[in-house]
Amino acid sequence: MTSPKPKSVQTMKPETAAKKLGVLFSATPAEFQAGVVSRDELNKLQSAPPAWLADLRRNGPHPRQVIAAKLGISTSGLARGGITEALTTAEIDALKAENPEWLERERSIQADVRKEAVRLKQR
């Protein structure tokens, strides 16, 4: 009988880990950016986030997909609205309060897309 192979450690680039954590890679600490992240380390970061990760998730700056989700629009809608840079939570809240015409339009488009997805799913 042969002994089982030792399990290899799965690693990923820090850019990939930042995306999975929902944070902007360029805003992460230098030590996070410098190395590789194992699957176990990623799971630990998700289950017990350190202070820097909790702060980034709470205050930003946020990546495009997080900004879009917080505004209730698509990432394409962000581009159409002229939002190309990362935004902080305060900037997102200010944009929500201002509620410009393009944001209303994009939210309406997103609502229509969701309704259509539900309609197609029910068929």
C-alpha atoms as a PDB file:
ATOM      1  CA  MET A   1       0.000   0.000   0.000  1.00  0.00           C
ATOM      2  CA  THR A   2       1.352   3.404  -0.934  1.00  0.00           C
ATOM      3  CA  SER A   3       1.177   6.344   1.379  1.00  0.00           C
ATOM      4  CA  PRO A   4      -1.010   9.243   0.277  1.00  0.00           C
ATOM      5  CA  LYS A   5       0.689  12.206  -1.349  1.00  0.00           C
ATOM      6  CA  PRO A   6       1.157  15.158   0.924  1.00  0.00           C
ATOM      7  CA  LYS A   7      -1.367  17.846   0.144  1.00  0.00           C
ATOM      8  CA  SER A   8       0.168  20.696  -1.810  1.00  0.00           C
ATOM      9  CA  VAL A   9      -0.515  24.189  -0.562  1.00  0.00           C
ATOM     10  CA  GLN A  10      -2.618  26.234  -2.960  1.00  0.00           C
ATOM     11  CA  THR A  11      -1.407  29.798  -3.301  1.00  0.00           C
ATOM     12  CA  MET A  12      -2.568  32.839  -5.218  1.00  0.00           C
ATOM     13  CA  LYS A  13      -1.236  36.215  -6.170  1.00  0.00           C
ATOM     14  CA  PRO A  14      -2.022  38.984  -3.693  1.00  0.00           C
ATOM     15  CA  GLU A  15      -4.045  40.775  -6.414  1.00  0.00           C
ATOM     16  CA  THR A  16      -6.325  37.727  -6.652  1.00  0.00           C
ATOM     17  CA  ALA A  17      -6.638  37.496  -2.868  1.00  0.00           C
ATOM     18  CA  ALA A  18      -7.543  41.206  -2.639  1.00  0.00           C
ATOM     19  CA  LYS A  19     -10.259  40.697  -5.250  1.00  0.00           C
ATOM     20  CA  LYS A  20     -11.655  37.715  -3.325  1.00  0.00           C
ATOM     21  CA  LEU A  21     -11.596  39.813  -0.139  1.00  0.00           C
ATOM     22  CA  GLY A  22     -13.456  42.656  -1.896  1.00  0.00           C
ATOM     23  CA  VAL A  23     -10.779  45.288  -1.327  1.00  0.00           C
ATOM     24  CA  LEU A  24      -8.680  47.490  -3.591  1.00  0.00           C
ATOM     25  CA  PHE A  25      -5.256  45.858  -4.013  1.00  0.00           C
ATOM     26  CA  SER A  26      -3.357  49.158  -4.121  1.00  0.00           C
ATOM     27  CA  ALA A  27      -4.822  50.099  -0.721  1.00  0.00           C
ATOM     28  CA  THR A  28      -3.586  46.944   1.027  1.00  0.00           C
ATOM     29  CA  PRO A  29      -0.458  46.989   3.221  1.00  0.00           C
ATOM     30  CA  ALA A  30       2.952  46.501   1.581  1.00  0.00           C
ATOM     31  CA  GLU A  31       3.531  43.162   3.331  1.00  0.00           C
ATOM     32  CA  PHE A  32       0.267  41.827   1.843  1.00  0.00           C
ATOM     33  CA  GLN A  33       1.210  43.072  -1.631  1.00  0.00           C
ATOM     34  CA  ALA A  34       4.713  41.595  -1.494  1.00  0.00           C
ATOM     35  CA  GLY A  35       3.981  37.900  -0.967  1.00  0.00           C
ATOM     36  CA  VAL A  36       1.706  35.124  -2.043  1.00  0.00           C
ATOM     37  CA  VAL A  37      -1.442  34.140  -0.155  1.00  0.00           C
ATOM     38  CA  SER A  38      -2.299  30.533   0.624  1.00  0.00           C
ATOM     39  CA  ARG A  39      -5.860  29.255   0.636  1.00  0.00           C
ATOM     40  CA  ASP A  40      -5.600  28.797   4.420  1.00  0.00           C
ATOM     41  CA  GLU A  41      -4.382  32.386   4.868  1.00  0.00           C
ATOM     42  CA  LEU A  42      -7.254  33.660   2.725  1.00  0.00           C
ATOM     43  CA  ASN A  43      -9.772  31.697   4.793  1.00  0.00           C
ATOM     44  CA  LYS A  44      -8.239  33.110   7.982  1.00  0.00           C
ATOM     45  CA  LEU A  45      -8.428  36.669   6.587  1.00  0.00           C
ATOM     46  CA  GLN A  46     -12.091  36.130   5.707  1.00  0.00           C
ATOM     47  CA  SER A  47     -13.101  34.587   9.026  1.00  0.00           C
ATOM     48  CA  ALA A  48     -11.062  36.848  11.325  1.00  0.00           C
ATOM     49  CA  PRO A  49     -10.114  39.985   9.377  1.00  0.00           C
ATOM     50  CA  PRO A  50      -7.215  42.022  10.774  1.00  0.00           C
ATOM     51  CA  ALA A  51      -7.767  45.713  11.529  1.00  0.00           C
ATOM     52  CA  TRP A  52      -6.428  46.903   8.158  1.00  0.00           C
ATOM     53  CA  LEU A  53      -8.847  44.645   6.261  1.00  0.00           C
ATOM     54  CA  ALA A  54     -11.845  45.591   8.391  1.00  0.00           C
ATOM     55  CA  ASP A  55     -10.992  49.272   7.907  1.00  0.00           C
ATOM     56  CA  LEU A  56     -10.659  48.888   4.118  1.00  0.00           C
ATOM     57  CA  ARG A  57     -13.972  47.060   3.900  1.00  0.00           C
ATOM     58  CA  ARG A  58     -15.690  49.699   6.037  1.00  0.00           C
ATOM     59  CA  ASN A  59     -14.135  52.919   4.714  1.00  0.00           C
ATOM     60  CA  GLY A  60     -12.517  52.089   1.372  1.00  0.00           C
ATOM     61  CA  PRO A  61     -11.232  53.003  -1.073  1.00  0.00           C
ATOM     62  CA  HIS A  62     -13.381  50.371  -2.750  1.00  0.00           C
ATOM     63  CA  PRO A  63     -12.902  48.516  -6.062  1.00  0.00           C
ATOM     64  CA  ARG A  64     -15.361  49.095  -8.920  1.00  0.00           C
ATOM     65  CA  GLN A  65     -17.499  46.013  -8.274  1.00  0.00           C
ATOM     66  CA  VAL A  66     -18.026  47.040  -4.633  1.00  0.00           C
ATOM     67  CA  ILE A  67     -18.852  50.631  -5.618  1.00  0.00           C
ATOM     68  CA  ALA A  68     -21.381  49.375  -8.168  1.00  0.00           C
ATOM     69  CA  ALA A  69     -22.994  47.053  -5.617  1.00  0.00           C
ATOM     70  CA  LYS A  70     -23.239  49.821  -3.005  1.00  0.00           C
ATOM     71  CA  LEU A  71     -24.889  52.106  -5.568  1.00  0.00           C
ATOM     72  CA  GLY A  72     -27.179  49.382  -6.889  1.00  0.00           C
ATOM     73  CA  ILE A  73     -25.913  49.599 -10.473  1.00  0.00           C
ATOM     74  CA  SER A  74     -23.628  47.651 -12.816  1.00  0.00           C
ATOM     75  CA  THR A  75     -19.927  48.288 -13.331  1.00  0.00           C
ATOM     76  CA  SER A  76     -20.799  49.369 -16.880  1.00  0.00           C
ATOM     77  CA  GLY A  77     -23.187  51.891 -15.350  1.00  0.00           C
ATOM     78  CA  LEU A  78     -20.287  53.292 -13.341  1.00  0.00           C
ATOM     79  CA  ALA A  79     -18.334  53.846 -16.534  1.00  0.00           C
ATOM     80  CA  ARG A  80     -21.300  55.483 -18.241  1.00  0.00           C
ATOM     81  CA  GLY A  81     -21.651  57.741 -15.189  1.00  0.00           C
ATOM     82  CA  GLY A  82     -18.004  58.775 -15.452  1.00  0.00           C
ATOM     83  CA  ILE A  83     -16.831  57.002 -12.289  1.00  0.00           C
ATOM     84  CA  THR A  84     -13.401  55.609 -13.124  1.00  0.00           C
ATOM     85  CA  GLU A  85     -11.529  55.973  -9.839  1.00  0.00           C
ATOM     86  CA  ALA A  86     -11.880  54.103  -6.558  1.00  0.00           C
ATOM     87  CA  LEU A  87     -14.240  55.779  -4.095  1.00  0.00           C
ATOM     88  CA  THR A  88     -14.370  55.792  -0.311  1.00  0.00           C
ATOM     89  CA  THR A  89     -17.513  54.959   1.627  1.00  0.00           C
ATOM     90  CA  ALA A  90     -17.995  58.676   2.389  1.00  0.00           C
ATOM     91  CA  GLU A  91     -17.791  59.532  -1.331  1.00  0.00           C
ATOM     92  CA  ILE A  92     -20.294  56.790  -2.169  1.00  0.00           C
ATOM     93  CA  ASP A  93     -22.674  58.048   0.529  1.00  0.00           C
ATOM     94  CA  ALA A  94     -22.347  61.609  -0.810  1.00  0.00           C
ATOM     95  CA  LEU A  95     -23.124  60.365  -4.322  1.00  0.00           C
ATOM     96  CA  LYS A  96     -26.199  58.520  -3.021  1.00  0.00           C
ATOM     97  CA  ALA A  97     -27.380  61.675  -1.227  1.00  0.00           C
ATOM     98  CA  GLU A  98     -26.835  63.805  -4.328  1.00  0.00           C
ATOM     99  CA  ASN A  99     -28.609  61.177  -6.495  1.00  0.00           C
ATOM    100  CA  PRO A 100     -27.592  62.593  -9.891  1.00  0.00           C
ATOM    101  CA  GLU A 101     -29.694  61.889 -12.968  1.00  0.00           C
ATOM    102  CA  TRP A 102     -27.246  59.313 -14.357  1.00  0.00           C
ATOM    103  CA  LEU A 103     -27.437  57.317 -11.092  1.00  0.00           C
ATOM    104  CA  GLU A 104     -31.236  57.264 -11.167  1.00  0.00           C
ATOM    105  CA  ARG A 105     -31.142  56.133 -14.800  1.00  0.00           C
ATOM    106  CA  GLU A 106     -28.614  53.368 -14.074  1.00  0.00           C
ATOM    107  CA  ARG A 107     -30.616  52.128 -11.088  1.00  0.00           C
ATOM    108  CA  SER A 108     -33.692  51.973 -13.313  1.00  0.00           C
ATOM    109  CA  ILE A 109     -31.756  50.008 -15.945  1.00  0.00           C
ATOM    110  CA  GLN A 110     -30.474  47.618 -13.270  1.00  0.00           C
ATOM    111  CA  ALA A 111     -33.999  47.110 -11.907  1.00  0.00           C
ATOM    112  CA  ASP A 112     -35.234  46.267 -15.417  1.00  0.00           C
ATOM    113  CA  VAL A 113     -32.394  43.786 -15.891  1.00  0.00           C
ATOM    114  CA  ARG A 114     -33.264  42.073 -12.600  1.00  0.00           C
ATOM    115  CA  LYS A 115     -36.981  41.895 -13.512  1.00  0.00           C
ATOM    116  CA  GLU A 116     -36.108  40.338 -16.853  1.00  0.00           C
ATOM    117  CA  ALA A 117     -33.809  37.793 -15.200  1.00  0.00           C
ATOM    118  CA  VAL A 118     -36.611  36.784 -12.816  1.00  0.00           C
ATOM    119  CA  ARG A 119     -39.086  36.550 -15.705  1.00  0.00           C
ATOM    120  CA  LEU A 120     -36.729  34.318 -17.694  1.00  0.00           C
ATOM    121  CA  LYS A 121     -36.040  32.137 -14.679  1.00  0.00           C
ATOM    122  CA  GLN A 122     -39.769  31.560 -14.145  1.00  0.00           C
ATOM    123  CA  ARG A 123     -40.259  30.319 -17.736  1.00  0.00           C
END
